[in-house]
Amino acid sequence: MNYLTMYLHATTEQELRDALSVLQLDDEGGILTASHVHCLVWLPGLRRPTGATLTDDDGNEYPETKPVPGAHANLRTKSQAVVDALTAAGVVIHPETPMVVFS
C-alpha cells in the first residue's frame, strides 16, 4: 500500500494530540513521529503572508506574515483505519495549496 498524505488542523494542540492518539505510542504514551507505517511532522509556528511588504533597518523589503491560528501537522500513513479515525475526529483538512508538503 502506498502512503496516504493528510494535512491536520485543530483549534488546540491538545485537541490534535488527542486525535493523533490513534497512532503508535511510545512507552510513556507519547505519539511516535515515525514508524514503519507512518511519518508525522508537527508544524509549530505556521505563518502565512498578509500581502503587505515591510522594510528592515537596512532597507531590505520582505513580506509581512501572521501566525495561522490553531495546531497543525502533516501525516503520511499506510493505515486506512488511521485516516478514517482522524477524518471522524474532524482534524483532516484539504487545503487548495498546502503551505508545507512532504518531498
C-alpha atoms as a PDB file:
ATOM      1  CA  MET A   1       0.000   0.000   0.000  1.00  0.00           C
ATOM      2  CA  ASN A   2       1.201   3.493  -0.796  1.00  0.00           C
ATOM      3  CA  TYR A   3       1.371   6.221   1.800  1.00  0.00           C
ATOM      4  CA  LEU A   4      -1.690   8.435   2.238  1.00  0.00           C
ATOM      5  CA  THR A   5      -0.928  12.097   2.945  1.00  0.00           C
ATOM      6  CA  MET A   6      -3.111  14.121   5.295  1.00  0.00           C
ATOM      7  CA  TYR A   7      -2.998  17.730   6.423  1.00  0.00           C
ATOM      8  CA  LEU A   8      -4.201  18.116  10.001  1.00  0.00           C
ATOM      9  CA  HIS A   9      -5.569  21.100  11.917  1.00  0.00           C
ATOM     10  CA  ALA A  10      -7.204  21.511  15.317  1.00  0.00           C
ATOM     11  CA  THR A  11      -8.084  24.504  17.448  1.00  0.00           C
ATOM     12  CA  THR A  12      -5.583  23.489  20.134  1.00  0.00           C
ATOM     13  CA  GLU A  13      -2.504  21.297  20.286  1.00  0.00           C
ATOM     14  CA  GLN A  14      -4.180  19.108  22.907  1.00  0.00           C
ATOM     15  CA  GLU A  15      -7.153  18.527  20.598  1.00  0.00           C
ATOM     16  CA  LEU A  16      -4.780  17.447  17.825  1.00  0.00           C
ATOM     17  CA  ARG A  17      -2.754  15.245  20.196  1.00  0.00           C
ATOM     18  CA  ASP A  18      -5.961  13.571  21.391  1.00  0.00           C
ATOM     19  CA  ALA A  19      -6.972  12.805  17.788  1.00  0.00           C
ATOM     20  CA  LEU A  20      -3.470  11.513  16.992  1.00  0.00           C
ATOM     21  CA  SER A  21      -3.605   9.012  19.844  1.00  0.00           C
ATOM     22  CA  VAL A  22      -4.764   6.547  17.148  1.00  0.00           C
ATOM     23  CA  LEU A  23      -1.097   6.372  16.074  1.00  0.00           C
ATOM     24  CA  GLN A  24       1.502   4.132  17.654  1.00  0.00           C
ATOM     25  CA  LEU A  25       2.529   5.457  21.089  1.00  0.00           C
ATOM     26  CA  ASP A  26       5.860   5.158  22.877  1.00  0.00           C
ATOM     27  CA  ASP A  27       6.340   3.585  26.321  1.00  0.00           C
ATOM     28  CA  GLU A  28       5.351   6.839  28.069  1.00  0.00           C
ATOM     29  CA  GLY A  29       2.215   7.297  25.956  1.00  0.00           C
ATOM     30  CA  GLY A  30       3.742   9.925  23.651  1.00  0.00           C
ATOM     31  CA  ILE A  31       2.947   9.998  19.953  1.00  0.00           C
ATOM     32  CA  LEU A  32       5.684   8.483  17.785  1.00  0.00           C
ATOM     33  CA  THR A  33       6.613  10.763  14.904  1.00  0.00           C
ATOM     34  CA  ALA A  34       7.784   7.861  12.750  1.00  0.00           C
ATOM     35  CA  SER A  35       7.219   4.137  12.442  1.00  0.00           C
ATOM     36  CA  HIS A  36       7.154   1.575   9.651  1.00  0.00           C
ATOM     37  CA  VAL A  37       3.592   2.700   8.803  1.00  0.00           C
ATOM     38  CA  HIS A  38       3.584   6.473   9.381  1.00  0.00           C
ATOM     39  CA  CYS A  39       5.530   9.728   9.470  1.00  0.00           C
ATOM     40  CA  LEU A  40       4.215  12.711  11.450  1.00  0.00           C
ATOM     41  CA  VAL A  41       5.582  16.251  11.138  1.00  0.00           C
ATOM     42  CA  TRP A  42       4.424  18.859  13.656  1.00  0.00           C
ATOM     43  CA  LEU A  43       4.157  22.379  12.210  1.00  0.00           C
ATOM     44  CA  PRO A  44       4.516  24.829  15.116  1.00  0.00           C
ATOM     45  CA  GLY A  45       4.641  28.499  14.315  1.00  0.00           C
ATOM     46  CA  LEU A  46       2.982  28.153  10.906  1.00  0.00           C
ATOM     47  CA  ARG A  47       2.673  31.608   9.294  1.00  0.00           C
ATOM     48  CA  ARG A  48       1.051  32.979   6.150  1.00  0.00           C
ATOM     49  CA  PRO A  49       1.715  36.164   4.159  1.00  0.00           C
ATOM     50  CA  THR A  50      -0.579  39.121   4.793  1.00  0.00           C
ATOM     51  CA  GLY A  51       0.067  40.673   1.383  1.00  0.00           C
ATOM     52  CA  ALA A  52       1.913  43.634   2.892  1.00  0.00           C
ATOM     53  CA  THR A  53       5.618  44.338   2.409  1.00  0.00           C
ATOM     54  CA  LEU A  54       7.808  45.532   5.273  1.00  0.00           C
ATOM     55  CA  THR A  55      11.275  47.094   5.240  1.00  0.00           C
ATOM     56  CA  ASP A  56      14.024  46.213   7.733  1.00  0.00           C
ATOM     57  CA  ASP A  57      16.571  48.639   9.219  1.00  0.00           C
ATOM     58  CA  ASP A  58      18.930  48.031   6.274  1.00  0.00           C
ATOM     59  CA  GLY A  59      16.288  48.917   3.682  1.00  0.00           C
ATOM     60  CA  ASN A  60      15.601  45.321   2.636  1.00  0.00           C
ATOM     61  CA  GLU A  61      11.983  44.538   1.812  1.00  0.00           C
ATOM     62  CA  TYR A  62      10.320  41.322   2.996  1.00  0.00           C
ATOM     63  CA  PRO A  63       6.765  40.002   3.107  1.00  0.00           C
ATOM     64  CA  GLU A  64       4.827  40.516   6.308  1.00  0.00           C
ATOM     65  CA  THR A  65       3.424  37.304   7.780  1.00  0.00           C
ATOM     66  CA  LYS A  66       0.976  36.472  10.536  1.00  0.00           C
ATOM     67  CA  PRO A  67       0.506  33.323  12.618  1.00  0.00           C
ATOM     68  CA  VAL A  68      -2.010  30.751  11.404  1.00  0.00           C
ATOM     69  CA  PRO A  69      -4.270  30.021  14.388  1.00  0.00           C
ATOM     70  CA  GLY A  70      -4.514  26.517  15.808  1.00  0.00           C
ATOM     71  CA  ALA A  71      -2.306  23.433  15.819  1.00  0.00           C
ATOM     72  CA  HIS A  72      -1.052  21.879  12.583  1.00  0.00           C
ATOM     73  CA  ALA A  73       0.697  18.704  11.466  1.00  0.00           C
ATOM     74  CA  ASN A  74       1.230  16.694   8.303  1.00  0.00           C
ATOM     75  CA  LEU A  75       0.896  12.925   8.349  1.00  0.00           C
ATOM     76  CA  ARG A  76       1.761  10.173   5.899  1.00  0.00           C
ATOM     77  CA  THR A  77       0.367   6.782   6.784  1.00  0.00           C
ATOM     78  CA  LYS A  78      -0.243   3.394   5.233  1.00  0.00           C
ATOM     79  CA  SER A  79      -3.218   2.782   7.538  1.00  0.00           C
ATOM     80  CA  GLN A  80      -6.701   3.454   6.178  1.00  0.00           C
ATOM     81  CA  ALA A  81      -8.004   2.962   9.736  1.00  0.00           C
ATOM     82  CA  VAL A  82      -5.884   5.937  10.896  1.00  0.00           C
ATOM     83  CA  VAL A  83      -7.208   8.038   8.009  1.00  0.00           C
ATOM     84  CA  ASP A  84     -10.783   7.108   8.900  1.00  0.00           C
ATOM     85  CA  ALA A  85     -10.276   7.836  12.622  1.00  0.00           C
ATOM     86  CA  LEU A  86      -8.697  11.254  12.006  1.00  0.00           C
ATOM     87  CA  THR A  87     -11.391  12.144   9.492  1.00  0.00           C
ATOM     88  CA  ALA A  88     -14.066  11.167  12.021  1.00  0.00           C
ATOM     89  CA  ALA A  89     -12.283  13.303  14.644  1.00  0.00           C
ATOM     90  CA  GLY A  90     -12.623  16.311  12.327  1.00  0.00           C
ATOM     91  CA  VAL A  91      -8.933  17.210  12.179  1.00  0.00           C
ATOM     92  CA  VAL A  92      -8.284  16.441   8.488  1.00  0.00           C
ATOM     93  CA  ILE A  93      -8.271  19.491   6.215  1.00  0.00           C
ATOM     94  CA  HIS A  94      -7.943  19.759   2.430  1.00  0.00           C
ATOM     95  CA  PRO A  95      -6.035  22.981   1.624  1.00  0.00           C
ATOM     96  CA  GLU A  96      -6.017  24.091  -2.025  1.00  0.00           C
ATOM     97  CA  THR A  97      -2.351  24.950  -1.711  1.00  0.00           C
ATOM     98  CA  PRO A  98      -0.664  23.329   1.303  1.00  0.00           C
ATOM     99  CA  MET A  99       1.930  25.573   2.934  1.00  0.00           C
ATOM    100  CA  VAL A 100       4.207  22.641   3.889  1.00  0.00           C
ATOM    101  CA  VAL A 101       4.357  19.402   1.906  1.00  0.00           C
ATOM    102  CA  PHE A 102       6.351  16.182   2.068  1.00  0.00           C
ATOM    103  CA  SER A 103       9.088  15.938  -0.542  1.00  0.00           C
END
